[in-house]
Amino acid sequence: MNNTNIHAAQCDIWEIQDSTDSLNTVPPPGYSPETAHYLTGIRPVYDSLGRVMAQLSGIFLLYLSSQQRELPLDHSMFNLAKKQLDDCAEQLRAIQVPHKAVRHHGALYEMCQHLQQVSKSIDRIGTHQRNIFDDIDTRHVMRQLNKSQQCFIATSEPGANLSPVDFSHACCSCGVSKGA
């Protein structure tokens, strides 16, 4: 049975681009040189913030679905998310921001702050057993994750490959020859 909706094993959709390798990123066309340089430099931060948001959301979901209503934080996913978040905050402070990108950068910084609040709240929740429906920290985490997602969507710039969803392989290219 040949199902054309499933990608073949050799399809390039399975290749994961290293978002930290900004040297291989071509500056997006249609922007001023300063803005293009900023967008090229900010992409690894944007991608990392998206991963951190997904990691913290997953950890929080584990807490919400836990039978014991506790959240053991000794696993590597939480520590990795916190480390990546610290790296993002540092990179956001270090990047040169052109005048036209000040609002964009501000929204990414705001997203980073919301995620830092999520991390702190998850730390507070820790391993304490609580009723999640009466818990102020739980509601705070949900609000902060929602605000983070709003910032993430607001800072998307598909022309610069800043997008919450990668549509570059919306249709499978398995059937298209490489020489075409």
Protein backbone atom coordinates (compact mmCIF):
# COMPACT_ATOMS: atom_id res chain seq x y z
CA MET A 1 0.00 0.00 0.00
CA ASN A 2 1.44 3.36 -1.03
CA ASN A 3 0.23 6.24 1.10
CA THR A 4 1.34 9.52 -0.47
CA ASN A 5 0.54 11.45 2.72
CA ILE A 6 3.42 9.86 4.64
CA HIS A 7 6.95 11.11 4.01
CA ALA A 8 9.54 8.63 2.84
CA ALA A 9 12.45 7.90 5.18
CA GLN A 10 14.89 9.70 2.88
CA CYS A 11 12.67 12.83 2.60
CA ASP A 12 14.49 15.98 3.73
CA ILE A 13 11.57 16.91 5.98
CA TRP A 14 13.12 14.68 8.65
CA GLU A 15 16.32 16.75 8.69
CA ILE A 16 16.46 19.13 11.65
CA GLN A 17 18.18 22.41 10.98
CA ASP A 18 20.60 23.55 13.64
CA SER A 19 19.02 26.87 14.62
CA THR A 20 22.14 27.92 16.52
CA ASP A 21 24.18 27.95 13.32
CA SER A 22 23.42 31.47 12.12
CA LEU A 23 26.40 31.43 9.74
CA ASN A 24 24.43 29.31 7.29
CA THR A 25 21.40 31.57 7.44
CA VAL A 26 20.87 33.74 4.40
CA PRO A 27 19.67 37.25 5.27
CA PRO A 28 15.99 37.60 4.39
CA PRO A 29 15.28 39.65 1.25
CA GLY A 30 13.17 42.80 1.29
CA TYR A 31 14.51 44.28 4.52
CA SER A 32 17.00 47.03 5.14
CA PRO A 33 20.52 45.65 5.74
CA GLU A 34 20.31 46.51 9.47
CA THR A 35 16.92 44.83 9.88
CA ALA A 36 17.99 41.80 7.84
CA HIS A 37 21.08 41.46 10.03
CA TYR A 38 18.94 41.69 13.17
CA LEU A 39 16.42 39.12 11.89
CA THR A 40 19.21 36.72 10.95
CA GLY A 41 20.78 37.12 14.38
CA ILE A 42 17.53 36.87 16.32
CA ARG A 43 16.34 33.66 14.67
CA PRO A 44 18.25 31.27 16.99
CA VAL A 45 16.81 33.14 19.98
CA TYR A 46 13.29 33.00 18.52
CA ASP A 47 13.63 29.26 17.87
CA SER A 48 15.07 28.63 21.36
CA LEU A 49 12.27 30.59 23.05
CA GLY A 50 9.76 28.48 21.14
CA ARG A 51 11.45 25.28 22.33
CA VAL A 52 11.61 26.56 25.93
CA MET A 53 7.92 27.43 25.81
CA ALA A 54 7.13 23.92 24.53
CA GLN A 55 9.34 22.29 27.18
CA LEU A 56 7.86 24.28 30.06
CA SER A 57 4.35 23.68 28.72
CA GLY A 58 5.03 19.94 28.57
CA ILE A 59 6.40 19.88 32.09
CA PHE A 60 3.39 21.83 33.31
CA LEU A 61 1.06 19.45 31.47
CA LEU A 62 2.73 16.54 33.25
CA TYR A 63 1.98 18.29 36.53
CA LEU A 64 -1.66 18.88 35.60
CA SER A 65 -2.15 15.26 34.58
CA SER A 66 -0.21 13.72 37.48
CA GLN A 67 -2.16 11.43 39.77
CA GLN A 68 -0.10 12.61 42.74
CA ARG A 69 -0.47 16.30 41.88
CA GLU A 70 3.23 16.81 42.30
CA LEU A 71 5.99 17.85 39.96
CA PRO A 72 9.44 16.35 40.52
CA LEU A 73 11.90 18.85 39.04
CA ASP A 74 15.02 16.73 39.09
CA HIS A 75 14.72 15.75 35.43
CA SER A 76 16.94 17.11 32.69
CA MET A 77 14.14 18.64 30.58
CA PHE A 78 13.40 21.28 33.21
CA ASN A 79 17.08 22.03 33.81
CA LEU A 80 17.69 22.28 30.06
CA ALA A 81 14.74 24.63 29.63
CA LYS A 82 16.02 26.88 32.43
CA LYS A 83 19.53 26.93 30.90
CA GLN A 84 18.19 27.73 27.43
CA LEU A 85 16.01 30.47 28.91
CA ASP A 86 19.02 32.04 30.64
CA ASP A 87 20.95 31.85 27.35
CA CYS A 88 18.07 33.52 25.49
CA ALA A 89 17.90 36.37 28.00
CA GLU A 90 21.64 36.91 27.62
CA GLN A 91 21.47 36.83 23.82
CA LEU A 92 18.54 39.27 23.81
CA ARG A 93 20.55 41.72 25.89
CA ALA A 94 23.59 41.36 23.64
CA ILE A 95 22.01 41.71 20.20
CA GLN A 96 22.18 45.03 18.40
CA VAL A 97 18.65 46.22 17.68
CA PRO A 98 17.96 48.61 14.79
CA HIS A 99 15.32 51.28 15.31
CA LYS A 100 12.78 49.48 13.11
CA ALA A 101 13.05 46.30 15.20
CA VAL A 102 12.71 47.82 18.69
CA ARG A 103 9.09 46.67 19.14
CA HIS A 104 9.90 43.19 17.82
CA HIS A 105 12.84 42.85 20.18
CA GLY A 106 10.73 44.19 23.04
CA ALA A 107 8.07 41.55 22.43
CA LEU A 108 10.71 38.78 22.42
CA TYR A 109 12.13 40.16 25.65
CA GLU A 110 8.61 40.22 27.10
CA MET A 111 8.15 36.59 26.05
CA CYS A 112 11.40 35.72 27.78
CA GLN A 113 10.20 37.43 30.96
CA HIS A 114 6.89 35.53 30.89
CA LEU A 115 8.78 32.25 30.49
CA GLN A 116 11.07 33.19 33.38
CA GLN A 117 7.94 33.71 35.50
CA VAL A 118 6.69 30.28 34.40
CA SER A 119 10.00 28.72 35.40
CA LYS A 120 9.91 30.40 38.81
CA SER A 121 6.30 29.35 39.39
CA ILE A 122 7.07 25.77 38.41
CA ASP A 123 9.96 25.89 40.87
CA ARG A 124 7.52 27.10 43.58
CA ILE A 125 5.03 24.37 42.72
CA GLY A 126 7.90 21.91 42.99
CA THR A 127 7.00 18.72 44.75
CA HIS A 128 4.31 20.18 47.02
CA GLN A 129 1.03 18.36 46.72
CA ARG A 130 -1.73 20.81 46.00
CA ASN A 131 -5.21 21.08 44.63
CA ILE A 132 -4.36 22.39 41.17
CA PHE A 133 -7.78 23.94 40.67
CA ASP A 134 -7.42 26.18 43.73
CA ASP A 135 -3.75 26.95 43.23
CA ILE A 136 -2.73 30.54 42.47
CA ASP A 137 0.62 29.42 41.04
CA THR A 138 -1.13 27.05 38.63
CA ARG A 139 -3.38 29.79 37.30
CA HIS A 140 -0.38 32.14 37.10
CA VAL A 141 1.55 29.61 35.00
CA MET A 142 -1.36 29.22 32.60
CA ARG A 143 -1.66 33.00 32.17
CA GLN A 144 2.09 33.39 31.64
CA LEU A 145 2.20 30.57 29.09
CA ASN A 146 -0.71 32.18 27.26
CA LYS A 147 1.05 35.55 27.22
CA SER A 148 4.25 33.85 26.02
CA GLN A 149 2.38 32.27 23.14
CA GLN A 150 0.83 35.63 22.21
CA CYS A 151 4.29 37.20 22.09
CA PHE A 152 5.64 34.28 20.06
CA ILE A 153 2.90 34.66 17.46
CA ALA A 154 3.22 38.46 17.43
CA THR A 155 6.96 38.25 16.72
CA SER A 156 6.60 35.81 13.84
CA GLU A 157 8.02 37.06 10.57
CA PRO A 158 7.58 34.28 7.99
CA GLY A 159 9.65 36.13 5.38
CA ALA A 160 12.59 35.92 7.78
CA ASN A 161 11.93 32.29 8.77
CA LEU A 162 10.56 33.36 12.15
CA SER A 163 7.41 31.31 12.35
CA PRO A 164 5.82 29.19 15.08
CA VAL A 165 5.00 26.57 12.46
CA ASP A 166 7.33 25.59 9.62
CA PHE A 167 5.27 25.43 6.43
CA SER A 168 8.27 24.88 4.16
CA HIS A 169 7.25 21.24 3.77
CA ALA A 170 3.47 21.67 3.79
CA CYS A 171 3.34 19.27 0.86
CA CYS A 172 5.71 16.37 0.74
CA SER A 173 8.60 16.85 -1.62
CA CYS A 174 9.33 13.11 -1.71
CA GLY A 175 7.90 12.77 -5.20
CA VAL A 176 9.72 15.79 -6.56
CA SER A 177 13.10 15.01 -8.04
CA LYS A 178 16.07 16.92 -6.66
CA GLY A 179 16.97 18.13 -10.16
CA ALA A 180 13.56 19.62 -10.91
